[in-house]
C-alpha cells in the first residue's frame, strides 16, 4: 500500500477545491483594486487642491470630481472598513499599503504633498462612508480663504467623519516604517550571505574529502571564503 503524504504535502483529491490556492486570488485582486482606487483618489485630490486656489469648493466645476472622490474613498471603506491616507514627499500610503505611482504623476504628487505640508497636513482618515460636503470642507483647508493651519478636526469648518493627520506626526510615522523596512532587508541580506558561505563550505568539504580519498592535490581554501 502506498504511503500518503503527510501534512500540507497531501494533494487535493480529484474534484476537491484547494482552498489555500483559491484564497490567494481574491487577495491579489483586492490589492490591485486598492492600488487602482488609491491612484484615482490621489489624482483627484491633486486636481481639487490645485484648483481650489482659484475657485470656491462649491463651484459647479467641482461637482463631478467630488463625486468621483466620494465613490473611490467609500469603495475602499466598504472593503477595508477605513480609508487612511498618509503622504509625504512622493511617498503615498493608503491603509498601510504603498501606492505604486507612475513616473508621469510624480510632480503632481509632490505638488499635493507640498500643499499638505504648507497646511500641516500629512493625510486624513475616515472609518465611515464620507459625504461630498465633508470632502468640500477638507479641500477648503487649502483655499486662500483659509488663513489658518489645520487641527485634527479641520480649520474653520468642522470635519465630522474626517480626521486629519498632522504633517510632523505622519512624517515621523513614515520614517519609522522606512527604517523598519530597511532593517528587514538587511536581515534578509545577512541570511542570504550566511547561506552562501554555508554552501561554499559544503562544496569545499566535499571536494576536500574526495581528494583525500583519491590521493589528489588538496583544494585551495579560497572557495570556502
Protein backbone atom coordinates (compact mmCIF):
# COMPACT_ATOMS: atom_id res chain seq x y z
CA UNK A 1 0.00 0.00 0.00
CA UNK A 2 1.39 3.39 -0.94
CA UNK A 3 2.02 5.81 1.93
CA UNK A 4 0.00 9.02 1.96
CA UNK A 5 1.99 12.30 2.01
CA UNK A 6 1.95 13.95 5.41
CA UNK A 7 0.53 17.35 6.40
CA UNK A 8 0.15 20.02 3.70
CA UNK A 9 2.05 17.92 1.18
CA UNK A 10 -1.08 15.82 0.56
CA UNK A 11 -2.59 16.83 -2.80
CA UNK A 12 -6.25 17.64 -3.10
CA UNK A 13 -8.44 14.79 -4.26
CA UNK A 14 -9.83 14.83 -7.77
CA UNK A 15 -12.69 17.30 -7.86
CA UNK A 16 -11.78 18.75 -4.47
CA UNK A 17 -11.13 22.52 -4.26
CA UNK A 18 -7.77 23.67 -2.87
CA UNK A 19 -8.93 26.48 -0.57
CA UNK A 20 -5.40 27.78 0.07
CA UNK A 21 -4.79 28.38 -3.60
CA UNK A 22 -8.22 29.92 -4.03
CA UNK A 23 -7.56 32.37 -1.17
CA UNK A 24 -4.57 33.89 -2.98
CA UNK A 25 -6.53 35.18 -5.97
CA UNK A 26 -9.04 37.34 -4.02
CA UNK A 27 -6.18 38.91 -2.03
CA UNK A 28 -4.32 39.80 -5.21
CA UNK A 29 -7.50 41.20 -6.72
CA UNK A 30 -8.10 43.23 -3.57
CA UNK A 31 -4.57 44.67 -3.63
CA UNK A 32 -4.87 45.52 -7.33
CA UNK A 33 -8.17 47.31 -6.70
CA UNK A 34 -6.67 49.24 -3.77
CA UNK A 35 -3.79 50.39 -5.97
CA UNK A 36 -6.21 51.49 -8.70
CA UNK A 37 -8.56 53.35 -6.37
CA UNK A 38 -5.61 54.80 -4.46
CA UNK A 39 -4.14 56.33 -7.60
CA UNK A 40 -7.57 57.70 -8.53
CA UNK A 41 -8.04 59.40 -5.17
CA UNK A 42 -4.54 60.92 -5.27
CA UNK A 43 -5.10 62.23 -8.80
CA UNK A 44 -8.46 63.74 -7.85
CA UNK A 45 -7.08 65.28 -4.66
CA UNK A 46 -4.30 66.90 -6.68
CA UNK A 47 -6.79 68.41 -9.11
CA UNK A 48 -9.05 69.69 -6.30
CA UNK A 49 -6.23 71.17 -4.21
CA UNK A 50 -4.72 72.87 -7.24
CA UNK A 51 -7.98 74.40 -8.46
CA UNK A 52 -9.31 75.45 -5.06
CA UNK A 53 -6.67 78.19 -5.30
CA UNK A 54 -8.87 79.75 -8.00
CA UNK A 55 -12.39 78.52 -7.30
CA UNK A 56 -14.57 78.01 -4.26
CA UNK A 57 -15.20 74.34 -3.36
CA UNK A 58 -18.92 74.92 -4.02
CA UNK A 59 -18.25 75.89 -7.64
CA UNK A 60 -20.03 73.70 -10.18
CA UNK A 61 -16.75 72.68 -11.83
CA UNK A 62 -16.08 70.53 -8.76
CA UNK A 63 -19.35 68.57 -8.79
CA UNK A 64 -18.06 65.54 -10.70
CA UNK A 65 -14.55 65.42 -9.16
CA UNK A 66 -16.01 65.48 -5.64
CA UNK A 67 -18.47 62.73 -6.56
CA UNK A 68 -15.66 60.63 -8.05
CA UNK A 69 -13.57 61.12 -4.91
CA UNK A 70 -16.50 60.20 -2.67
CA UNK A 71 -17.14 56.98 -4.59
CA UNK A 72 -13.48 55.93 -4.58
CA UNK A 73 -12.98 56.64 -0.87
CA UNK A 74 -16.21 54.91 0.10
CA UNK A 75 -15.39 51.85 -2.00
CA UNK A 76 -12.15 51.44 -0.06
CA UNK A 77 -14.04 51.99 3.22
CA UNK A 78 -16.53 49.29 2.21
CA UNK A 79 -13.71 46.79 1.57
CA UNK A 80 -11.20 47.70 4.32
CA UNK A 81 -13.51 49.39 6.86
CA UNK A 82 -11.41 52.56 6.60
CA UNK A 83 -9.58 54.92 4.29
CA UNK A 84 -6.31 56.14 5.76
CA UNK A 85 -4.12 58.32 3.57
CA UNK A 86 -0.58 59.25 4.58
CA UNK A 87 1.55 61.23 2.14
CA UNK A 88 4.94 62.90 2.45
CA UNK A 89 7.17 63.87 -0.45
CA UNK A 90 6.49 61.37 -3.22
CA UNK A 91 5.60 58.54 -0.83
CA UNK A 92 1.91 57.72 -0.50
CA UNK A 93 0.31 55.03 1.64
CA UNK A 94 -3.36 54.08 1.79
CA UNK A 95 -4.36 51.71 4.58
CA UNK A 96 -0.73 50.82 5.14
CA UNK A 97 -0.11 49.85 1.51
CA UNK A 98 2.33 51.94 -0.51
CA UNK A 99 0.69 53.18 -3.70
CA UNK A 100 2.74 52.46 -6.81
CA UNK A 101 2.90 55.73 -8.74
CA UNK A 102 3.87 56.10 -12.37
CA UNK A 103 6.66 58.49 -13.31
CA UNK A 104 4.30 60.95 -15.03
CA UNK A 105 2.38 61.57 -11.79
CA UNK A 106 5.39 62.25 -9.53
CA UNK A 107 5.32 66.04 -10.00
CA UNK A 108 1.58 66.13 -9.25
CA UNK A 109 2.09 64.08 -6.08
CA UNK A 110 4.93 66.35 -4.99
CA UNK A 111 2.72 69.42 -5.53
CA UNK A 112 -0.04 67.81 -3.47
CA UNK A 113 2.22 66.86 -0.56
CA UNK A 114 3.87 70.31 -0.60
CA UNK A 115 0.42 71.84 -0.19
CA UNK A 116 -0.28 69.35 2.59
CA UNK A 117 2.95 70.35 4.33
CA UNK A 118 2.16 74.08 4.00
CA UNK A 119 -1.09 73.45 5.90
CA UNK A 120 0.48 71.00 8.37
CA UNK A 121 -1.46 68.11 6.83
CA UNK A 122 0.11 64.68 6.49
CA UNK A 123 -3.03 62.89 5.39
CA UNK A 124 -6.51 62.04 6.59
CA UNK A 125 -8.59 59.06 7.57
CA UNK A 126 -12.25 58.05 7.64
CA UNK A 127 -13.91 54.97 9.09
CA UNK A 128 -17.39 55.62 7.74
CA UNK A 129 -18.74 56.47 4.29
CA UNK A 130 -17.91 60.10 3.61
CA UNK A 131 -20.23 62.70 2.10
CA UNK A 132 -19.40 65.26 -0.59
CA UNK A 133 -19.85 68.18 1.82
CA UNK A 134 -17.23 66.71 4.16
CA UNK A 135 -14.79 66.42 1.26
CA UNK A 136 -15.52 70.03 0.33
CA UNK A 137 -14.75 71.09 3.90
CA UNK A 138 -11.47 69.20 3.77
CA UNK A 139 -10.43 70.75 0.45
CA UNK A 140 -11.36 74.19 1.82
CA UNK A 141 -8.34 73.83 4.13
CA UNK A 142 -6.17 74.61 1.08
CA UNK A 143 -8.25 77.56 -0.08
CA UNK A 144 -6.76 81.08 0.02
CA UNK A 145 -9.78 81.99 2.18
CA UNK A 146 -8.37 79.82 4.95
CA UNK A 147 -5.60 81.63 6.79
CA UNK A 148 -5.06 79.01 9.48
CA UNK A 149 -3.15 75.77 9.77
CA UNK A 150 -5.32 72.74 10.27
CA UNK A 151 -6.01 70.90 13.51
CA UNK A 152 -7.29 67.33 13.68
CA UNK A 153 -10.90 68.46 13.27
CA UNK A 154 -10.22 70.85 10.42
CA UNK A 155 -9.63 74.59 10.30
CA UNK A 156 -12.63 76.87 10.34
CA UNK A 157 -15.01 74.13 9.23
CA UNK A 158 -15.94 71.14 11.37
CA UNK A 159 -14.97 67.78 9.91
CA UNK A 160 -17.32 65.20 11.40
CA UNK A 161 -16.05 61.95 9.87
CA UNK A 162 -12.66 63.05 8.55
CA UNK A 163 -9.69 63.00 10.90
CA UNK A 164 -6.73 64.99 9.65
CA UNK A 165 -3.22 63.81 10.48
CA UNK A 166 -0.53 66.34 11.40
CA UNK A 167 2.33 66.55 8.92
CA UNK A 168 5.08 66.09 11.50
CA UNK A 169 3.42 63.03 13.03
CA UNK A 170 2.87 61.44 9.64
CA UNK A 171 6.46 62.13 8.59
CA UNK A 172 7.79 60.51 11.77
CA UNK A 173 5.50 57.52 11.22
CA UNK A 174 6.66 57.04 7.62
CA UNK A 175 10.32 57.45 8.65
CA UNK A 176 9.90 54.67 11.22
CA UNK A 177 8.22 52.40 8.68
CA UNK A 178 11.00 53.07 6.16
CA UNK A 179 13.68 52.34 8.78
CA UNK A 180 11.91 49.08 9.67
CA UNK A 181 11.75 48.08 6.00
CA UNK A 182 15.47 48.81 5.55
CA UNK A 183 16.35 46.78 8.65
CA UNK A 184 14.21 43.87 7.43
CA UNK A 185 16.03 43.99 4.08
CA UNK A 186 19.37 43.95 5.87
CA UNK A 187 18.33 40.87 7.82
CA UNK A 188 17.37 39.14 4.59
CA UNK A 189 20.73 40.10 3.05
CA UNK A 190 22.61 38.75 6.07
CA UNK A 191 20.66 35.49 5.85
CA UNK A 192 21.44 35.19 2.14
CA UNK A 193 25.13 35.82 2.83
CA UNK A 194 25.17 33.18 5.59
CA UNK A 195 23.55 30.65 3.26
CA UNK A 196 26.10 31.47 0.55
CA UNK A 197 29.01 30.95 2.94
CA UNK A 198 27.46 27.69 4.15
CA UNK A 199 27.01 26.41 0.58
CA UNK A 200 30.63 27.27 -0.26
CA UNK A 201 31.84 25.48 2.88
CA UNK A 202 29.87 22.33 1.99
CA UNK A 203 31.24 22.45 -1.56
CA UNK A 204 34.81 22.81 -0.27
CA UNK A 205 34.49 19.97 2.25
CA UNK A 206 33.05 17.68 -0.41
CA UNK A 207 36.00 18.35 -2.71
CA UNK A 208 38.44 18.03 0.24
CA UNK A 209 37.14 14.56 1.15
CA UNK A 210 37.13 13.45 -2.50
CA UNK A 211 40.79 14.48 -2.89
CA UNK A 212 41.75 12.68 0.36
CA UNK A 213 40.09 9.52 -0.86
CA UNK A 214 41.75 9.63 -4.30
CA UNK A 215 45.10 10.94 -3.07
CA UNK A 216 44.91 14.02 -5.28
CA UNK A 217 46.05 17.56 -4.50
CA UNK A 218 44.00 19.18 -1.75
CA UNK A 219 41.78 22.08 -2.91
CA UNK A 220 42.61 25.67 -2.12
CA UNK A 221 40.90 27.33 0.85
CA UNK A 222 39.80 30.19 -1.41
CA UNK A 223 36.42 28.69 -2.44
CA UNK A 224 35.37 28.36 1.21
CA UNK A 225 35.72 32.09 1.94
